[in-house]
Amino acid sequence: MLGTKTSRTLAGVALQCKVSREGEMAMDANYCREKAALCLRLADGLALNNPGRFQLMDLAEDFQRRAKELEIEAARDATQSNATVMQSLENVA
């Protein structure tokens, strides 16, 4: 069961991360993309010269960057898992 834990508050907006039963932060690429989109929507509603707008835009970039990193990690893990399974099958045969 996943709960939530506030990870960062900016301009009065609480951003939350999913927390597993073990208490570890569980973020995936989709989660990061959703938070990036949220930050951009919030920034859009602020005046062009509002410092909070720039902070939200920076935060959105951070979330987008993290989403890309998580996708790369997931692809690497999947490749390693496939290699392990193939090696196991070869050892059985």
Protein backbone atom coordinates (compact mmCIF):
# COMPACT_ATOMS: atom_id res chain seq x y z
CA MET A 1 0.00 0.00 0.00
CA LEU A 2 1.36 3.40 -0.99
CA GLY A 3 0.92 6.50 1.10
CA THR A 4 2.07 10.03 0.43
CA LYS A 5 4.75 12.19 1.93
CA THR A 6 5.27 15.87 1.20
CA SER A 7 8.67 16.24 -0.40
CA ARG A 8 8.82 19.93 -1.21
CA THR A 9 6.71 23.03 -0.79
CA LEU A 10 7.11 25.91 -3.19
CA ALA A 11 4.97 29.01 -3.58
CA GLY A 12 2.39 27.46 -1.26
CA VAL A 13 2.08 24.29 -3.34
CA ALA A 14 2.85 20.97 -1.70
CA LEU A 15 4.40 18.44 -4.07
CA GLN A 16 4.06 14.87 -2.94
CA CYS A 17 5.97 11.68 -3.59
CA LYS A 18 4.59 8.19 -3.28
CA VAL A 19 5.90 6.31 -0.26
CA SER A 20 6.05 2.53 -0.08
CA ARG A 21 5.39 0.52 3.06
CA GLU A 22 9.11 0.46 3.75
CA GLY A 23 9.16 4.26 3.73
CA GLU A 24 11.22 4.58 0.56
CA MET A 25 10.37 7.22 -2.02
CA ALA A 26 8.93 5.62 -5.13
CA MET A 27 9.05 7.90 -8.15
CA ASP A 28 8.62 6.79 -11.72
CA ALA A 29 8.91 8.68 -14.99
CA ASN A 30 5.15 9.21 -15.31
CA TYR A 31 4.96 10.68 -11.81
CA CYS A 32 7.76 13.12 -12.60
CA ARG A 33 6.11 14.14 -15.89
CA GLU A 34 2.81 14.76 -14.08
CA LYS A 35 4.55 16.98 -11.51
CA ALA A 36 6.39 18.85 -14.27
CA ALA A 37 3.07 19.52 -16.01
CA LEU A 38 1.54 20.67 -12.71
CA CYS A 39 4.40 23.10 -12.12
CA LEU A 40 4.06 24.50 -15.63
CA ARG A 41 0.29 24.95 -15.24
CA LEU A 42 0.80 26.75 -11.92
CA ALA A 43 3.54 28.93 -13.40
CA ASP A 44 1.22 29.86 -16.27
CA GLY A 45 -1.22 31.33 -13.79
CA LEU A 46 1.34 33.68 -12.27
CA ALA A 47 2.43 37.11 -13.49
CA LEU A 48 5.41 37.11 -15.83
CA ASN A 49 7.61 38.92 -13.30
CA ASN A 50 6.59 36.79 -10.29
CA PRO A 51 9.63 35.04 -8.73
CA GLY A 52 7.44 32.03 -7.94
CA ARG A 53 6.85 31.58 -11.67
CA PHE A 54 10.58 31.16 -12.29
CA GLN A 55 10.93 28.76 -9.37
CA LEU A 56 8.05 26.63 -10.67
CA MET A 57 9.54 26.58 -14.17
CA ASP A 58 12.91 25.49 -12.75
CA LEU A 59 11.19 22.80 -10.72
CA ALA A 60 9.36 21.60 -13.84
CA GLU A 61 12.69 21.29 -15.65
CA ASP A 62 14.09 19.29 -12.73
CA PHE A 63 11.11 16.91 -12.84
CA GLN A 64 11.45 16.48 -16.62
CA ARG A 65 15.17 15.75 -16.27
CA ARG A 66 14.48 13.20 -13.53
CA ALA A 67 11.80 11.53 -15.70
CA LYS A 68 14.38 11.03 -18.47
CA GLU A 69 16.90 9.63 -15.96
CA LEU A 70 14.30 7.20 -14.60
CA GLU A 71 13.41 6.02 -18.12
CA ILE A 72 17.08 5.35 -18.86
CA GLU A 73 17.46 3.44 -15.56
CA ALA A 74 14.33 1.38 -16.28
CA ALA A 75 15.57 0.50 -19.76
CA ARG A 76 18.98 -0.50 -18.37
CA ASP A 77 17.36 -2.64 -15.68
CA ALA A 78 15.10 -4.33 -18.22
CA THR A 79 18.08 -5.10 -20.46
CA GLN A 80 20.02 -6.57 -17.52
CA SER A 81 17.00 -8.66 -16.46
CA ASN A 82 16.61 -10.03 -19.98
CA ALA A 83 20.29 -10.92 -20.13
CA THR A 84 20.05 -12.72 -16.78
CA VAL A 85 17.00 -14.70 -17.90
CA MET A 86 18.67 -15.66 -21.19
CA GLN A 87 21.79 -16.80 -19.33
CA SER A 88 19.68 -18.87 -16.93
CA LEU A 89 17.89 -20.53 -19.84
CA GLU A 90 21.21 -21.35 -21.49
CA ASN A 91 22.49 -22.92 -18.25
CA VAL A 92 19.37 -25.08 -17.98
CA ALA A 93 19.66 -26.35 -21.55
